[in-house]
Amino acid sequence: MQAHKILGKYLGRHPLLTPVLEWDGAAPSMVVVVPAYKEQAYLQRTLLSLSAAAAPSGRVLVVVVINTGEKDSPALVAEQKAFAARLRSEISAYLPLWIKLEVLEAYGLSAKFFGAGLARKIGMDAAVELFYRLEQAEGILLTMDADTLVRADYFRAVEQWFNAEKRQAANLFFEHPLEGSDFSEEMYEGITRYELHLRYLLQGQRYAGFPYAFHAMGSAIAVRALAYARAGGMSRRQAGEDFYFLQKLIPQGGFGEIQTTRVHPSPRTSDRVVFGTGAAMNSFLAGEQKVGVGLTYNFQAFADLKVFFELRQELFALQAGEYEGWSYKLSGPLRSFLLNARFFDDLEVLKRDCASETTFSKRFFELFSAFKVVKYLNYVHEHFFEQAPVFDMALTLLEQRGLNCDDCWLERDLLLRYRELELEESWFIS
């Protein structure tokens, strides 16, 4: 009953922007939400990929959110509406009986928030309302992109992972395609470097001791409706909505990784957001050199952060006037970041609410969050470190961990080794 009230309270603060979802009978096993803005060339293949997967124990609801912004032309709106009608009348008929397709239409969305985040939120909020109506607060929401393919065991792997009651949310293991006939060799080269950067960034944070280090991939997130509501729902940000959502979700606990299936995001270019896969591929094809596109963060930034995290317990016993002297235990770049970010002022506020060192230890990473890690990395690379080739840094991290990669001569070899490493080290936040 309490869980049901939490969903109701969330919905009271986040009114739906579309009609409610239609559904008859028992609650669906899970709801898949797919934003779609000018996705006619990709979405049908994604829906066929979902329909080719093995069925879970119950029915699945796939919610496609067809959307446009307030600055889009009438012609584009008409095109989107025609596509929505085609989805309902034609494509829906090709899906197996255990999959029901619902199309939500949201046109003229505010330019301030218009993007994948808002479209994703519209669909996920509608799914929460459905689970609320069906009194199924533990229902599972899955996020997808319109150009993403899944492996045949996708639904069953998710269902099996959530069989444990304590599991509230997860990332699904993803792999971009690295070869084939769908894209040019240049694009496969670019996505190899970008994915290697993502996996190096994850392992760098874990090497430093950051406990909430997980990928932020909007096409590979699974979450119970209750956990979604408790985290305040999906962010409306135009880009990076998955990162900001996970930053709120992961510290709640019950978060882990579903490694028994695969999600395959597309390496295509995109001009809709300023960062992420599509933007990185644009930059790569344009010959640019920056973080995520051939270059990445210097390993020393993670090594410095590791020292700080290992010493953090000492901060609990310090008085306000002792922080600056203590900070000389750290590297110059990290010390500069903490002082300029007024981190120790914020730390004093946090410590007032911590009655014991144990409580302080648990709450420290509320202050030094995933967002703070990103700000630190950007700061020290703006003022102290040079960005470095992703191959060199990824190899350095493996060597520092004492891991063998004698056969890693190319970015692709190193990426495959990093994929193996993630599969060898399953993380779960209890």
Protein backbone atom coordinates (compact mmCIF):
# COMPACT_ATOMS: atom_id res chain seq x y z
CA MET A 1 0.00 0.00 0.00
CA GLN A 2 2.84 2.40 0.80
CA ALA A 3 4.43 1.69 -2.58
CA HIS A 4 1.15 2.44 -4.31
CA LYS A 5 0.95 5.77 -2.49
CA ILE A 6 4.48 6.67 -3.64
CA LEU A 7 3.47 6.16 -7.26
CA GLY A 8 0.35 8.25 -6.71
CA LYS A 9 2.35 11.04 -5.10
CA TYR A 10 4.80 11.03 -7.99
CA LEU A 11 2.02 11.22 -10.56
CA GLY A 12 0.46 14.10 -8.64
CA ARG A 13 3.66 16.08 -9.12
CA HIS A 14 4.20 14.97 -12.74
CA PRO A 15 0.93 15.16 -14.69
CA LEU A 16 0.89 13.21 -17.95
CA LEU A 17 1.35 15.10 -21.22
CA THR A 18 -0.49 12.42 -23.21
CA PRO A 19 -3.60 10.25 -22.79
CA VAL A 20 -3.24 7.24 -20.50
CA LEU A 21 -2.08 3.92 -21.91
CA GLU A 22 -4.73 1.38 -22.79
CA TRP A 23 -4.42 -2.06 -21.26
CA ASP A 24 -6.75 -4.96 -20.43
CA GLY A 25 -6.12 -7.81 -18.04
CA ALA A 26 -3.21 -8.55 -15.73
CA ALA A 27 -0.31 -6.12 -15.55
CA PRO A 28 2.34 -6.52 -18.28
CA SER A 29 5.60 -8.25 -17.45
CA MET A 30 7.38 -5.07 -18.46
CA VAL A 31 6.96 -1.86 -20.43
CA VAL A 32 9.52 -0.79 -23.05
CA VAL A 33 9.67 2.96 -23.79
CA VAL A 34 11.08 4.14 -27.14
CA PRO A 35 11.34 7.87 -28.03
CA ALA A 36 10.94 8.49 -31.78
CA TYR A 37 11.77 11.76 -33.49
CA LYS A 38 12.28 11.37 -37.25
CA GLU A 39 13.04 7.66 -36.79
CA GLN A 40 11.19 6.17 -39.77
CA ALA A 41 14.41 4.67 -41.14
CA TYR A 42 15.28 2.80 -37.94
CA LEU A 43 12.29 2.10 -35.72
CA GLN A 44 10.76 -0.78 -37.66
CA ARG A 45 13.99 -2.77 -37.38
CA THR A 46 14.08 -2.10 -33.64
CA LEU A 47 10.50 -3.30 -33.19
CA LEU A 48 11.24 -6.43 -35.22
CA SER A 49 14.27 -7.08 -33.01
CA LEU A 50 12.07 -6.89 -29.92
CA SER A 51 9.43 -9.14 -31.47
CA ALA A 52 12.05 -11.74 -32.40
CA ALA A 53 13.12 -12.09 -28.76
CA ALA A 54 11.89 -14.98 -26.62
CA ALA A 55 8.71 -14.13 -24.72
CA PRO A 56 8.86 -13.58 -20.94
CA SER A 57 6.23 -15.07 -18.62
CA GLY A 58 3.70 -12.31 -19.33
CA ARG A 59 2.81 -9.84 -22.03
CA VAL A 60 5.03 -6.88 -22.94
CA LEU A 61 3.86 -3.35 -23.68
CA VAL A 62 6.01 -1.34 -26.11
CA VAL A 63 5.37 2.41 -25.89
CA VAL A 64 6.64 4.50 -28.80
CA VAL A 65 6.63 8.24 -28.11
CA ILE A 66 6.28 10.11 -31.40
CA ASN A 67 7.23 13.73 -30.71
CA THR A 68 8.07 17.11 -32.19
CA GLY A 69 9.19 20.45 -30.80
CA GLU A 70 7.43 23.77 -30.95
CA LYS A 71 9.92 25.01 -33.56
CA ASP A 72 9.33 22.12 -35.96
CA SER A 73 7.56 22.82 -39.24
CA PRO A 74 3.95 21.81 -39.93
CA ALA A 75 5.29 19.49 -42.61
CA LEU A 76 7.40 17.59 -40.08
CA VAL A 77 4.48 17.36 -37.66
CA ALA A 78 2.33 15.93 -40.45
CA GLU A 79 5.08 13.44 -41.27
CA GLN A 80 5.30 12.34 -37.64
CA LYS A 81 1.52 11.96 -37.41
CA ALA A 82 1.46 9.84 -40.56
CA PHE A 83 4.21 7.64 -39.12
CA ALA A 84 2.26 7.22 -35.88
CA ALA A 85 -0.79 6.11 -37.88
CA ARG A 86 1.33 3.65 -39.84
CA LEU A 87 2.75 2.19 -36.66
CA ARG A 88 -0.75 1.56 -35.34
CA SER A 89 -2.28 0.19 -38.54
CA GLU A 90 0.54 -1.71 -40.22
CA ILE A 91 3.53 -2.48 -38.03
CA SER A 92 1.47 -3.37 -34.97
CA ALA A 93 -0.12 -6.22 -36.95
CA TYR A 94 3.25 -7.90 -37.46
CA LEU A 95 4.06 -8.15 -33.75
CA PRO A 96 3.47 -11.40 -31.83
CA LEU A 97 0.41 -11.63 -29.60
CA TRP A 98 2.47 -11.28 -26.42
CA ILE A 99 3.62 -7.78 -27.49
CA LYS A 100 1.20 -4.86 -27.52
CA LEU A 101 2.25 -1.65 -29.24
CA GLU A 102 1.00 1.70 -27.96
CA VAL A 103 1.86 4.96 -29.73
CA LEU A 104 1.86 8.17 -27.72
CA GLU A 105 1.89 11.43 -29.67
CA ALA A 106 3.39 14.58 -28.15
CA TYR A 107 3.68 17.52 -30.54
CA GLY A 108 4.83 21.08 -30.07
CA LEU A 109 6.93 20.33 -26.99
CA SER A 110 8.67 23.25 -25.31
CA ALA A 111 11.96 24.16 -26.99
CA LYS A 112 13.52 24.57 -23.55
CA PHE A 113 13.25 20.84 -22.84
CA PHE A 114 12.65 19.30 -26.24
CA GLY A 115 14.87 16.25 -26.70
CA ALA A 116 15.20 12.56 -25.99
CA GLY A 117 14.98 13.14 -22.23
CA LEU A 118 11.53 14.69 -22.31
CA ALA A 119 10.22 12.09 -24.77
CA ARG A 120 11.62 9.30 -22.61
CA LYS A 121 10.04 10.86 -19.53
CA ILE A 122 6.64 11.16 -21.24
CA GLY A 123 6.63 7.44 -22.01
CA MET A 124 7.99 6.33 -18.65
CA ASP A 125 5.57 8.51 -16.71
CA ALA A 126 2.70 7.02 -18.71
CA ALA A 127 3.99 3.54 -17.85
CA VAL A 128 4.13 4.47 -14.16
CA GLU A 129 0.51 5.63 -14.36
CA LEU A 130 -0.44 2.28 -15.89
CA PHE A 131 1.33 0.34 -13.14
CA TYR A 132 -0.33 2.62 -10.58
CA ARG A 133 -3.75 1.89 -12.08
CA LEU A 134 -3.00 -1.85 -12.05
CA GLU A 135 -1.56 -1.67 -8.49
CA GLN A 136 1.77 -3.09 -9.67
CA ALA A 137 4.39 -0.81 -8.14
CA GLU A 138 7.14 -3.35 -8.78
CA GLY A 139 6.47 -3.33 -12.54
CA ILE A 140 9.54 -3.09 -14.76
CA LEU A 141 10.30 -0.22 -17.14
CA LEU A 142 12.87 -0.59 -19.92
CA THR A 143 14.35 2.30 -21.89
CA MET A 144 15.32 1.89 -25.52
CA ASP A 145 16.34 4.03 -28.46
CA ALA A 146 14.69 3.76 -31.85
CA ASP A 147 17.90 2.52 -33.48
CA THR A 148 18.81 -0.18 -30.95
CA LEU A 149 18.73 -3.95 -31.44
CA VAL A 150 18.53 -6.62 -28.73
CA ARG A 151 19.58 -10.23 -28.37
CA ALA A 152 16.98 -13.00 -28.39
CA ASP A 153 17.22 -13.51 -24.61
CA TYR A 154 16.59 -9.81 -23.84
CA PHE A 155 13.23 -10.08 -22.06
CA ARG A 156 13.93 -13.34 -20.27
CA ALA A 157 17.29 -12.12 -18.95
CA VAL A 158 15.66 -8.97 -17.56
CA GLU A 159 12.82 -10.97 -16.02
CA GLN A 160 15.21 -13.43 -14.39
CA TRP A 161 17.42 -10.67 -12.98
CA PHE A 162 14.45 -8.95 -11.33
CA ASN A 163 13.24 -12.17 -9.73
CA ALA A 164 15.25 -11.13 -6.68
CA GLU A 165 13.10 -8.67 -4.75
CA LYS A 166 16.02 -6.52 -3.59
CA ARG A 167 16.94 -5.68 -7.19
CA GLN A 168 15.42 -2.34 -8.12
CA ALA A 169 17.21 -1.17 -11.27
CA ALA A 170 20.04 -2.09 -13.60
CA ASN A 171 22.10 -1.34 -16.65
CA LEU A 172 22.01 -3.90 -19.43
CA PHE A 173 25.30 -4.91 -21.02
CA PHE A 174 25.71 -3.10 -24.33
CA GLU A 175 27.93 -3.64 -27.35
CA HIS A 176 28.10 -1.38 -30.37
CA PRO A 177 28.55 -3.23 -33.68
CA LEU A 178 32.20 -3.14 -34.71
CA GLU A 179 31.89 -4.57 -38.20
CA GLY A 180 29.32 -5.33 -40.88
CA SER A 181 27.72 -3.84 -43.99
CA ASP A 182 25.33 -1.36 -42.36
CA PHE A 183 27.96 1.37 -41.89
CA SER A 184 31.28 2.44 -43.38
CA GLU A 185 34.61 1.14 -42.10
CA GLU A 186 35.35 4.66 -40.88
CA MET A 187 32.24 4.64 -38.71
CA TYR A 188 33.11 1.25 -37.24
CA GLU A 189 36.57 2.65 -36.42
CA GLY A 190 35.00 5.69 -34.77
CA ILE A 191 32.55 3.72 -32.63
CA THR A 192 35.35 1.40 -31.52
CA ARG A 193 37.30 4.34 -30.16
CA TYR A 194 34.22 5.89 -28.57
CA GLU A 195 33.14 2.71 -26.81
CA LEU A 196 36.70 2.15 -25.61
CA HIS A 197 36.59 5.65 -24.12
CA LEU A 198 33.32 4.84 -22.33
CA ARG A 199 34.65 1.63 -20.86
CA TYR A 200 37.98 3.22 -19.89
CA LEU A 201 36.05 6.02 -18.14
CA LEU A 202 34.05 3.46 -16.20
CA GLN A 203 37.11 1.44 -15.19
CA GLY A 204 39.03 4.59 -14.31
CA GLN A 205 36.33 5.59 -11.82
CA ARG A 206 36.22 2.09 -10.36
CA TYR A 207 40.00 2.06 -10.07
CA ALA A 208 39.77 5.33 -8.13
CA GLY A 209 37.25 3.78 -5.74
CA PHE A 210 34.12 5.62 -6.80
CA PRO A 211 31.27 3.29 -5.76
CA TYR A 212 28.59 4.54 -8.16
CA ALA A 213 30.50 4.07 -11.41
CA PHE A 214 28.14 2.74 -14.08
CA HIS A 215 27.51 3.46 -17.74
CA ALA A 216 24.84 6.02 -18.62
CA MET A 217 23.28 4.52 -21.75
CA GLY A 218 19.67 5.55 -22.37
CA SER A 219 19.06 2.49 -24.53
CA ALA A 220 20.07 0.05 -21.79
CA ILE A 221 18.32 0.87 -18.49
CA ALA A 222 15.80 -1.24 -16.55
CA VAL A 223 14.02 0.04 -13.44
CA ARG A 224 11.02 -0.84 -11.29
CA ALA A 225 8.22 1.72 -11.34
CA LEU A 226 8.60 2.31 -7.59
CA ALA A 227 12.35 2.99 -7.84
CA TYR A 228 11.71 5.29 -10.81
CA ALA A 229 9.21 7.33 -8.80
CA ARG A 230 11.46 7.48 -5.74
CA ALA A 231 14.27 8.87 -7.91
CA GLY A 232 12.01 11.64 -9.16
CA GLY A 233 11.58 10.28 -12.66
CA MET A 234 13.54 10.74 -15.86
CA SER A 235 15.26 14.06 -16.41
CA ARG A 236 13.85 16.42 -19.05
CA ARG A 237 17.31 17.53 -20.11
CA GLN A 238 17.94 17.77 -23.82
CA ALA A 239 21.08 15.65 -23.50
CA GLY A 240 22.57 13.48 -20.79
CA GLU A 241 19.15 12.70 -19.32
CA ASP A 242 20.25 9.14 -18.65
CA PHE A 243 23.29 10.32 -16.66
CA TYR A 244 21.28 12.68 -14.44
CA PHE A 245 18.57 10.09 -13.88
CA LEU A 246 21.07 7.40 -12.88
CA GLN A 247 22.85 9.82 -10.55
CA LYS A 248 19.61 10.00 -8.54
CA LEU A 249 18.69 6.34 -8.97
CA ILE A 250 21.91 4.43 -8.21
CA PRO A 251 22.52 5.71 -4.64
CA GLN A 252 19.06 4.45 -3.63
CA GLY A 253 20.51 0.93 -3.76
CA GLY A 254 19.38 -2.25 -5.41
CA PHE A 255 21.23 -1.25 -8.57
CA GLY A 256 23.36 -3.61 -10.61
CA GLU A 257 24.22 -4.92 -14.06
CA ILE A 258 22.35 -7.39 -16.25
CA GLN A 259 25.17 -9.15 -18.05
CA THR A 260 23.33 -12.20 -19.37
CA THR A 261 22.00 -10.49 -22.50
CA ARG A 262 23.13 -7.82 -24.97
CA VAL A 263 21.80 -4.51 -26.23
CA HIS A 264 23.27 -3.19 -29.48
CA PRO A 265 23.06 0.62 -29.85
CA SER A 266 23.65 2.11 -33.27
CA PRO A 267 26.90 3.93 -34.15
CA ARG A 268 25.07 6.36 -36.44
CA THR A 269 25.65 10.09 -36.40
CA SER A 270 23.13 12.53 -34.95
CA ASP A 271 22.74 16.29 -34.78
CA ARG A 272 20.04 16.25 -32.10
CA VAL A 273 22.31 16.50 -29.04
CA VAL A 274 25.63 18.15 -28.27
CA PHE A 275 27.24 15.07 -26.72
CA GLY A 276 26.77 11.32 -26.65
CA THR A 277 27.24 8.70 -29.33
CA GLY A 278 25.77 10.62 -32.27
CA ALA A 279 27.70 13.80 -31.51
CA ALA A 280 30.92 11.83 -30.97
CA MET A 281 30.53 10.14 -34.34
CA ASN A 282 29.95 13.52 -36.00
CA SER A 283 33.17 14.80 -34.50
CA PHE A 284 35.11 11.70 -35.49
CA LEU A 285 34.00 11.89 -39.12
CA ALA A 286 34.90 15.60 -39.12
CA GLY A 287 38.45 14.71 -38.08
CA GLU A 288 38.25 16.35 -34.65
CA GLN A 289 40.40 15.21 -31.72
CA LYS A 290 38.79 15.53 -28.29
CA VAL A 291 37.55 13.47 -25.34
CA GLY A 292 35.52 10.55 -26.64
CA VAL A 293 36.88 10.88 -30.16
CA GLY A 294 40.34 9.33 -30.16
CA LEU A 295 41.31 11.12 -26.94
CA THR A 296 40.29 10.54 -23.34
CA TYR A 297 41.09 11.60 -19.78
CA ASN A 298 44.63 11.25 -18.52
CA PHE A 299 45.09 8.24 -16.25
CA GLN A 300 46.85 10.40 -13.66
CA ALA A 301 43.54 12.14 -12.92
CA PHE A 302 42.08 8.83 -11.74
CA ALA A 303 45.25 7.93 -9.82
CA ASP A 304 45.04 11.25 -7.94
CA LEU A 305 41.36 10.68 -7.19
CA LYS A 306 42.16 7.23 -5.82
CA VAL A 307 44.46 8.77 -3.18
CA PHE A 308 41.75 11.22 -2.14
CA PHE A 309 39.07 8.55 -1.78
CA GLU A 310 41.41 6.33 0.25
CA LEU A 311 42.08 9.19 2.69
CA ARG A 312 38.53 10.54 2.88
CA GLN A 313 37.78 9.06 6.32
CA GLU A 314 40.37 11.38 7.84
CA LEU A 315 38.15 14.33 6.94
CA PHE A 316 35.52 13.41 9.53
CA ALA A 317 37.73 14.33 12.49
CA LEU A 318 39.03 17.60 11.02
CA GLN A 319 37.86 21.07 12.00
CA ALA A 320 36.93 23.68 9.39
CA GLY A 321 40.30 25.45 9.67
CA GLU A 322 42.30 22.26 9.16
CA TYR A 323 41.09 21.31 5.67
CA GLU A 324 43.51 23.44 3.68
CA GLY A 325 46.56 22.07 5.50
CA TRP A 326 45.26 18.53 5.12
CA SER A 327 44.75 19.06 1.40
CA TYR A 328 48.53 19.09 0.85
CA LYS A 329 48.36 15.30 1.10
CA LEU A 330 46.73 15.42 -2.33
CA SER A 331 48.06 16.24 -5.77
CA GLY A 332 48.16 19.87 -6.86
CA PRO A 333 45.45 19.50 -9.54
CA LEU A 334 43.03 17.75 -7.18
CA ARG A 335 43.74 20.20 -4.37
CA SER A 336 43.10 23.10 -6.74
CA PHE A 337 39.77 21.61 -7.78
CA LEU A 338 38.57 21.07 -4.21
CA LEU A 339 39.47 24.58 -3.11
CA ASN A 340 38.04 26.31 -6.18
CA ALA A 341 34.84 24.26 -6.00
CA ARG A 342 34.52 25.20 -2.29
CA PHE A 343 34.22 21.49 -1.60
CA PHE A 344 35.27 21.79 2.04
CA ASP A 345 32.50 24.33 2.75
CA ASP A 346 29.98 21.83 1.43
CA LEU A 347 31.69 19.10 3.43
CA GLU A 348 31.13 21.01 6.66
CA VAL A 349 27.40 21.16 5.93
CA LEU A 350 27.33 17.43 5.26
CA LYS A 351 29.22 16.60 8.45
CA ARG A 352 26.67 18.42 10.61
CA ASP A 353 24.16 15.73 9.63
CA CYS A 354 26.55 12.83 10.31
CA ALA A 355 26.52 11.61 13.89
CA SER A 356 29.21 8.99 13.29
CA GLU A 357 32.10 8.18 11.01
CA THR A 358 30.06 5.30 9.60
CA THR A 359 27.29 7.65 8.54
CA PHE A 360 29.86 10.04 7.09
CA SER A 361 31.41 7.22 5.06
CA LYS A 362 28.03 6.34 3.55
CA ARG A 363 27.08 9.92 2.76
CA PHE A 364 30.42 11.19 1.47
CA PHE A 365 29.57 10.20 -2.08
CA GLU A 366 26.32 12.13 -1.92
CA LEU A 367 28.62 15.15 -2.01
CA PHE A 368 31.32 13.77 -4.31
CA SER A 369 28.74 12.41 -6.73
CA ALA A 370 29.04 11.22 -10.32
CA PHE A 371 28.41 14.80 -11.42
CA LYS A 372 31.26 15.99 -9.19
CA VAL A 373 33.58 13.38 -10.73
CA VAL A 374 32.80 14.72 -14.20
CA LYS A 375 33.36 18.31 -13.07
CA TYR A 376 36.69 17.29 -11.53
CA LEU A 377 37.84 15.54 -14.71
CA ASN A 378 36.90 18.51 -16.87
CA TYR A 379 38.55 20.97 -14.48
CA VAL A 380 41.91 19.25 -14.23
CA HIS A 381 42.05 18.70 -18.00
CA GLU A 382 41.31 22.35 -18.60
CA HIS A 383 44.02 23.58 -16.22
CA PHE A 384 46.59 20.82 -15.66
CA PHE A 385 46.45 17.67 -17.79
CA GLU A 386 46.46 17.13 -21.51
CA GLN A 387 43.92 14.78 -23.02
CA ALA A 388 45.65 11.62 -24.20
CA PRO A 389 45.09 8.92 -26.85
CA VAL A 390 42.43 6.50 -25.63
CA PHE A 391 44.51 3.48 -26.62
CA ASP A 392 47.47 4.63 -24.50
CA MET A 393 45.39 5.45 -21.44
CA ALA A 394 43.31 2.28 -21.61
CA LEU A 395 46.48 0.22 -21.83
CA THR A 396 48.05 2.14 -18.93
CA LEU A 397 45.06 1.42 -16.70
CA LEU A 398 45.27 -2.31 -17.40
CA GLU A 399 49.00 -2.28 -16.65
CA GLN A 400 48.44 -0.41 -13.36
CA ARG A 401 45.96 -3.08 -12.36
CA GLY A 402 48.40 -5.83 -13.26
CA LEU A 403 46.16 -7.16 -16.02
CA ASN A 404 47.70 -8.80 -19.07
CA CYS A 405 46.94 -7.50 -22.54
CA ASP A 406 49.95 -8.67 -24.55
CA ASP A 407 47.77 -9.32 -27.60
CA CYS A 408 46.20 -5.85 -27.61
CA TRP A 409 47.74 -4.18 -30.65
CA LEU A 410 44.70 -2.28 -31.90
CA GLU A 411 41.86 -0.29 -30.34
CA ARG A 412 39.50 -3.14 -31.20
CA ASP A 413 41.66 -5.67 -29.31
CA LEU A 414 41.73 -3.41 -26.28
CA LEU A 415 37.99 -2.80 -26.43
CA LEU A 416 37.26 -6.53 -26.48
CA ARG A 417 39.52 -6.92 -23.43
CA TYR A 418 37.61 -4.15 -21.63
CA ARG A 419 34.32 -5.83 -22.44
CA GLU A 420 35.65 -9.05 -20.92
CA LEU A 421 36.83 -7.14 -17.86
CA GLU A 422 33.37 -5.72 -17.20
CA LEU A 423 31.82 -9.16 -17.51
CA GLU A 424 34.36 -10.55 -15.04
CA GLU A 425 33.54 -7.90 -12.42
CA SER A 426 29.83 -7.64 -11.68
CA TRP A 427 28.92 -4.64 -9.49
CA PHE A 428 25.84 -4.30 -7.30
CA ILE A 429 24.87 -1.46 -4.95
CA SER A 430 22.92 -2.98 -2.07
